[in-house]
Protein backbone atom coordinates (compact mmCIF):
# COMPACT_ATOMS: atom_id res chain seq x y z
CA MET A 1 41.33 -37.10 25.92
CA GLY A 2 38.10 -37.90 27.73
CA ALA A 3 36.88 -34.30 27.55
CA MET A 4 37.71 -34.13 23.85
CA LEU A 5 35.81 -37.32 23.02
CA GLY A 6 32.90 -36.20 25.18
CA LEU A 7 32.68 -32.79 23.50
CA VAL A 8 32.70 -34.38 20.05
CA CYS A 9 29.85 -36.63 21.22
CA THR A 10 27.90 -33.54 22.32
CA VAL A 11 28.29 -32.10 18.81
CA ARG A 12 26.72 -35.28 17.44
CA LEU A 13 24.08 -35.04 20.19
CA ARG A 14 22.97 -31.62 18.96
CA ASP A 15 22.82 -32.82 15.34
CA ALA A 16 20.98 -36.09 16.04
CA PRO A 17 17.66 -36.22 14.12
CA THR A 18 15.77 -38.64 16.40
CA THR A 19 15.20 -39.11 20.13
CA GLY A 20 16.88 -42.52 20.06
CA ARG A 21 20.06 -41.14 18.55
CA ARG A 22 20.08 -38.18 20.92
CA THR A 23 19.82 -40.58 23.85
CA TRP A 24 22.66 -42.67 22.44
CA TRP A 25 24.97 -39.68 22.07
CA LEU A 26 23.93 -38.40 25.51
CA VAL A 27 25.06 -41.66 27.10
CA LEU A 28 28.36 -41.64 25.19
CA ALA A 29 29.03 -37.99 26.08
CA ALA A 30 28.33 -38.71 29.76
CA TRP A 31 30.73 -41.64 29.68
CA GLY A 32 33.38 -39.55 27.93
CA ILE A 33 33.18 -36.48 30.17
CA GLY A 34 32.01 -38.02 33.45
CA GLY A 35 33.83 -41.34 33.29
CA THR A 36 36.91 -41.09 31.10
CA SER A 37 37.64 -37.43 31.85
CA ILE A 38 36.54 -36.53 35.37
CA TRP A 39 36.45 -39.77 37.36
CA THR A 40 39.49 -41.42 35.77
CA MET A 41 41.62 -38.31 36.27
CA HIS A 42 40.41 -38.12 39.87
CA PHE A 43 41.13 -41.72 40.74
CA MET A 44 44.45 -41.97 38.93
CA ALA A 45 45.57 -38.98 41.01
CA MET A 46 44.15 -40.66 44.12
CA LEU A 47 46.32 -43.71 43.41
CA GLY A 48 49.36 -41.44 43.54
CA PHE A 49 48.47 -40.16 47.02
CA ARG A 50 50.63 -41.33 49.94
CA VAL A 51 50.57 -40.91 53.72
CA SER A 52 53.86 -41.57 55.50
CA GLY A 53 53.62 -44.28 58.10
CA THR A 54 50.57 -46.16 56.79
CA GLN A 55 49.32 -48.11 53.82
CA ILE A 56 46.28 -46.92 51.88
CA ARG A 57 43.60 -49.27 50.65
CA TYR A 58 40.34 -48.59 48.82
CA ASP A 59 36.79 -49.74 49.39
CA ILE A 60 35.50 -51.25 46.13
CA GLY A 61 31.84 -50.32 46.70
CA LEU A 62 32.53 -46.63 47.37
CA THR A 63 35.00 -46.50 44.48
CA VAL A 64 32.39 -47.79 42.04
CA ALA A 65 29.78 -45.46 43.56
CA SER A 66 32.04 -42.45 42.94
CA ALA A 67 32.35 -43.41 39.26
CA VAL A 68 28.57 -43.82 38.93
CA LEU A 69 28.01 -40.39 40.53
CA ALA A 70 30.28 -38.69 38.00
CA ILE A 71 28.62 -40.30 34.97
CA VAL A 72 25.03 -39.87 36.20
CA PHE A 73 25.37 -36.20 37.16
CA VAL A 74 27.13 -35.31 33.91
CA ALA A 75 24.29 -37.06 32.07
CA ILE A 76 21.74 -35.02 34.08
CA GLY A 77 23.50 -31.78 33.19
CA LEU A 78 23.70 -32.68 29.50
CA PHE A 79 20.03 -33.67 29.53
CA ILE A 80 19.03 -30.32 31.05
CA VAL A 81 20.95 -28.20 28.55
CA GLY A 82 20.19 -30.51 25.63
CA LEU A 83 16.42 -30.61 26.16
CA GLY A 84 14.99 -27.97 23.84
CA ARG A 85 16.72 -24.67 23.23
CA PRO A 86 19.75 -24.09 25.51
CA THR A 87 19.42 -20.98 27.70
CA ALA A 88 21.54 -19.33 30.38
CA VAL A 89 19.16 -20.57 33.09
CA LYS A 90 19.45 -24.15 31.85
CA ILE A 91 23.24 -23.96 31.63
CA VAL A 92 23.57 -22.53 35.16
CA THR A 93 21.07 -25.03 36.61
CA GLY A 94 22.77 -27.95 34.92
CA GLY A 95 26.19 -26.61 35.95
CA VAL A 96 25.21 -26.37 39.62
CA LEU A 97 23.75 -29.89 39.69
CA THR A 98 26.65 -31.37 37.76
CA GLY A 99 29.22 -29.52 39.87
CA LEU A 100 27.65 -30.78 43.09
CA GLY A 101 27.66 -34.29 41.62
CA VAL A 102 31.35 -34.00 40.68
CA ALA A 103 32.18 -32.76 44.20
CA ALA A 104 30.17 -35.67 45.64
CA MET A 105 32.14 -38.02 43.38
CA HIS A 106 35.43 -36.57 44.62
CA TYR A 107 34.67 -36.80 48.33
CA THR A 108 33.04 -40.23 47.93
CA GLY A 109 36.26 -41.41 46.32
CA MET A 110 38.25 -39.94 49.22
CA ALA A 111 35.90 -41.62 51.69
CA ALA A 112 36.80 -44.91 49.97
CA MET A 113 40.35 -44.62 51.33
CA ARG A 114 41.24 -46.88 54.22
CA LEU A 115 44.33 -45.93 56.27
CA ASN A 116 45.61 -46.27 59.81
CA GLY A 117 44.51 -42.83 60.89
CA ARG A 118 41.81 -40.18 60.99
CA ILE A 119 41.06 -37.87 58.06
CA GLU A 120 39.98 -34.27 58.58
CA TYR A 121 39.06 -31.53 56.10
CA ASP A 122 39.46 -27.77 56.04
CA PRO A 123 35.88 -26.47 55.50
CA LEU A 124 37.07 -23.37 53.63
CA LEU A 125 39.10 -25.36 51.11
CA VAL A 126 36.26 -27.86 50.74
CA GLY A 127 33.95 -24.97 49.85
CA VAL A 128 36.49 -23.63 47.36
CA SER A 129 36.79 -27.05 45.71
CA VAL A 130 32.99 -27.31 45.41
CA GLY A 131 32.90 -23.81 43.88
CA ILE A 132 35.57 -24.83 41.36
CA ALA A 133 33.56 -27.97 40.53
CA ILE A 134 30.40 -25.93 39.89
CA ALA A 135 32.25 -23.37 37.78
CA ALA A 136 34.04 -26.10 35.79
CA ALA A 137 30.79 -27.99 35.21
CA THR A 138 28.99 -24.82 34.07
CA VAL A 139 31.76 -23.98 31.62
CA ALA A 140 31.81 -27.59 30.40
CA LEU A 141 28.06 -27.55 29.72
CA TRP A 142 28.33 -24.18 27.97
CA MET A 143 31.07 -25.66 25.77
CA ALA A 144 28.91 -28.73 25.17
CA VAL A 145 26.15 -26.62 23.57
CA ARG A 146 28.38 -24.06 21.82
CA VAL A 147 31.62 -25.52 20.47
CA ARG A 148 31.71 -27.22 17.09
CA ARG A 149 34.99 -26.56 15.28
CA PRO A 150 37.82 -29.06 15.92
CA ALA A 151 40.32 -26.41 17.08
CA VAL A 152 37.81 -24.97 19.56
CA ILE A 153 37.01 -28.48 20.85
CA VAL A 154 40.72 -29.10 21.54
CA VAL A 155 41.09 -25.82 23.43
CA SER A 156 37.86 -26.46 25.35
CA ALA A 157 39.06 -29.94 26.33
CA LEU A 158 42.31 -28.47 27.68
CA VAL A 159 40.39 -25.89 29.71
CA MET A 160 38.08 -28.57 31.07
CA GLY A 161 41.03 -30.80 31.99
CA LEU A 162 42.77 -27.98 33.87
CA ALA A 163 39.55 -27.13 35.73
CA VAL A 164 39.00 -30.75 36.79
CA ASN A 165 42.60 -31.01 38.00
CA GLY A 166 42.25 -27.74 39.91
CA MET A 167 39.13 -28.98 41.67
CA HIS A 168 40.74 -32.32 42.53
CA PHE A 169 43.95 -30.99 44.02
CA THR A 170 42.15 -28.25 45.91
CA GLY A 171 40.04 -30.98 47.50
CA MET A 172 43.15 -33.02 48.28
CA PHE A 173 44.85 -29.95 49.80
CA SER A 174 41.90 -29.57 52.17
CA MET A 175 42.63 -32.99 53.65
CA SER A 176 44.90 -33.85 56.58
CA ALA A 177 45.62 -37.29 58.02
CA HIS A 178 46.34 -37.96 61.71
CA LEU A 179 47.79 -41.43 62.30
CA HIS A 180 46.65 -43.74 65.07
CA GLY A 181 49.23 -44.87 67.59
CA THR A 182 48.35 -48.54 67.19
CA PRO A 183 48.30 -50.06 63.68
CA SER A 184 45.09 -51.79 62.68
CA ARG A 185 44.18 -54.17 59.89
CA LEU A 186 42.94 -52.32 56.80
CA GLY A 187 40.16 -53.59 54.54
CA GLY A 188 39.84 -52.97 50.82
CA VAL A 189 42.28 -53.37 47.93
CA THR A 190 45.60 -51.73 47.13
CA ALA A 191 46.27 -49.14 44.43
CA ALA A 192 48.25 -51.70 42.42
CA THR A 193 45.16 -53.93 42.31
CA LEU A 194 42.98 -51.11 40.92
CA ILE A 195 45.30 -49.51 38.40
CA VAL A 196 45.18 -52.37 35.86
CA PRO A 197 41.36 -52.59 35.55
CA ILE A 198 41.07 -48.78 35.50
CA VAL A 199 43.59 -48.40 32.68
CA PHE A 200 41.95 -51.27 30.80
CA ALA A 201 38.50 -49.68 31.22
CA VAL A 202 39.82 -46.31 29.99
CA ILE A 203 41.29 -47.90 26.87
CA VAL A 204 38.09 -49.83 26.13
CA VAL A 205 35.87 -46.78 26.61
CA ALA A 206 38.16 -44.51 24.57
CA VAL A 207 38.35 -46.99 21.69
CA GLY A 208 34.58 -47.53 21.85
CA LEU A 209 33.88 -43.80 21.75
CA ALA A 210 36.30 -43.26 18.90
CA TYR A 211 34.74 -46.14 16.92
CA ALA A 212 31.22 -44.79 17.53
CA LEU A 213 32.28 -41.36 16.27
CA VAL A 214 33.93 -42.76 13.16
CA ALA A 215 31.14 -45.22 12.35
CA ALA A 216 28.22 -42.83 12.90
CA SER A 217 26.92 -40.87 9.93
CA THR A 218 27.07 -37.08 9.95
CA ASP A 219 24.76 -34.50 8.36
CA GLU A 220 27.08 -34.39 5.34
CA ASP A 221 26.90 -38.18 4.99
CA ARG A 222 23.10 -38.16 5.17
CA ALA A 223 22.87 -35.26 2.72
CA GLY A 224 25.17 -37.06 0.28
CA LEU A 225 23.15 -40.26 0.58
CA ALA A 226 19.89 -38.38 -0.01
CA PHE A 227 21.42 -36.71 -3.10
CA LEU A 228 22.53 -40.06 -4.53
CA GLU A 229 19.11 -41.59 -3.91
CA ALA A 230 17.44 -38.63 -5.67
CA GLN A 231 19.80 -38.99 -8.64
CA ILE A 232 19.07 -42.71 -8.92
CA ALA A 233 15.31 -42.07 -8.72
CA ASP A 234 15.53 -39.42 -11.47
CA ARG A 235 17.55 -41.76 -13.69
CA ASP A 236 15.08 -44.60 -13.23
CA THR A 237 12.18 -42.26 -14.05
CA ALA A 238 13.88 -41.04 -17.24
CA ALA A 239 14.73 -44.58 -18.38
CA ALA A 240 11.21 -45.96 -17.86
CA PRO A 241 9.29 -46.60 -21.16
CA ALA A 242 6.35 -44.34 -22.00
CA PRO A 243 2.98 -45.93 -21.11
CA THR A 244 0.95 -47.34 -24.05
CA PRO A 245 -2.65 -46.09 -24.44
CA ALA A 246 -5.31 -48.51 -23.29
CA ARG A 247 -7.57 -50.08 -25.95
CA THR A 248 -11.16 -48.90 -25.58
CA GLY A 249 -12.79 -50.98 -28.31
CA LEU A 250 -13.48 -47.80 -30.41
CA ARG A 251 -11.70 -46.42 -33.48
CA VAL A 252 -11.65 -42.90 -34.92
CA THR A 253 -12.55 -42.46 -38.57
CA ASP A 254 -11.08 -39.81 -40.86
CA ALA A 255 -14.09 -37.61 -40.23
CA GLY A 256 -13.49 -37.79 -36.48
CA ARG A 257 -16.55 -39.97 -35.79
CA PHE A 258 -16.33 -42.87 -33.39
CA ASN A 259 -17.24 -46.23 -34.96
CA ARG A 260 -17.22 -49.58 -33.34
CA PRO A 261 -14.80 -52.02 -34.88
CA ARG A 262 -16.23 -54.88 -36.88
């Protein structure tokens, strides 16, 4: 859902006539793809993660930072490919930066976990997950500058969703937890505390994006409005009375000579 809303916003971004509107659609697309799609999927899956023998809590500051990373780096990638004419170099550059940002978001979110143990990572699988993130981000940016038809947007959103899930669970598979012998007090909040505000935020953002898409005028709307304004102007011009000649104080005689009036 987030990828679909974000891709529709990128279509409006490409069609926006002014810098202000392009900036507006850029922000909405970054929220849709980076926030509603990538980060929310990541953290909802994180809330389903369990380690036998210990509770898991989450650091609020790192959790918020992971969300900001996802949105900011998606915005950077969209800005790179959306500035001027999109080229392969721009798409690859934006994809690499965005993919690294998505990977940073993922591992920042994992660093936010607090449990009674030590977490280790398999470097090979970490590298694979980063490669998947870069590939997924590159494909997402290519879709953002290419897709337009509704059916293609739906298929692209499904592909993007599968890629994000693949990156996430590859990163989770690289992780192993080794419990401490002595339990310790854990800081942070529980998953149950976070799930309500996250779901609420997703609903608010999704409704806001959908409203913005419905309320915003398209090229067809602007063309229709311009046509109606032209028709009204033509009608007003045709209905206006013909101008009367100005009096000059002279009159023309039958012979065509100018005589002053008496």
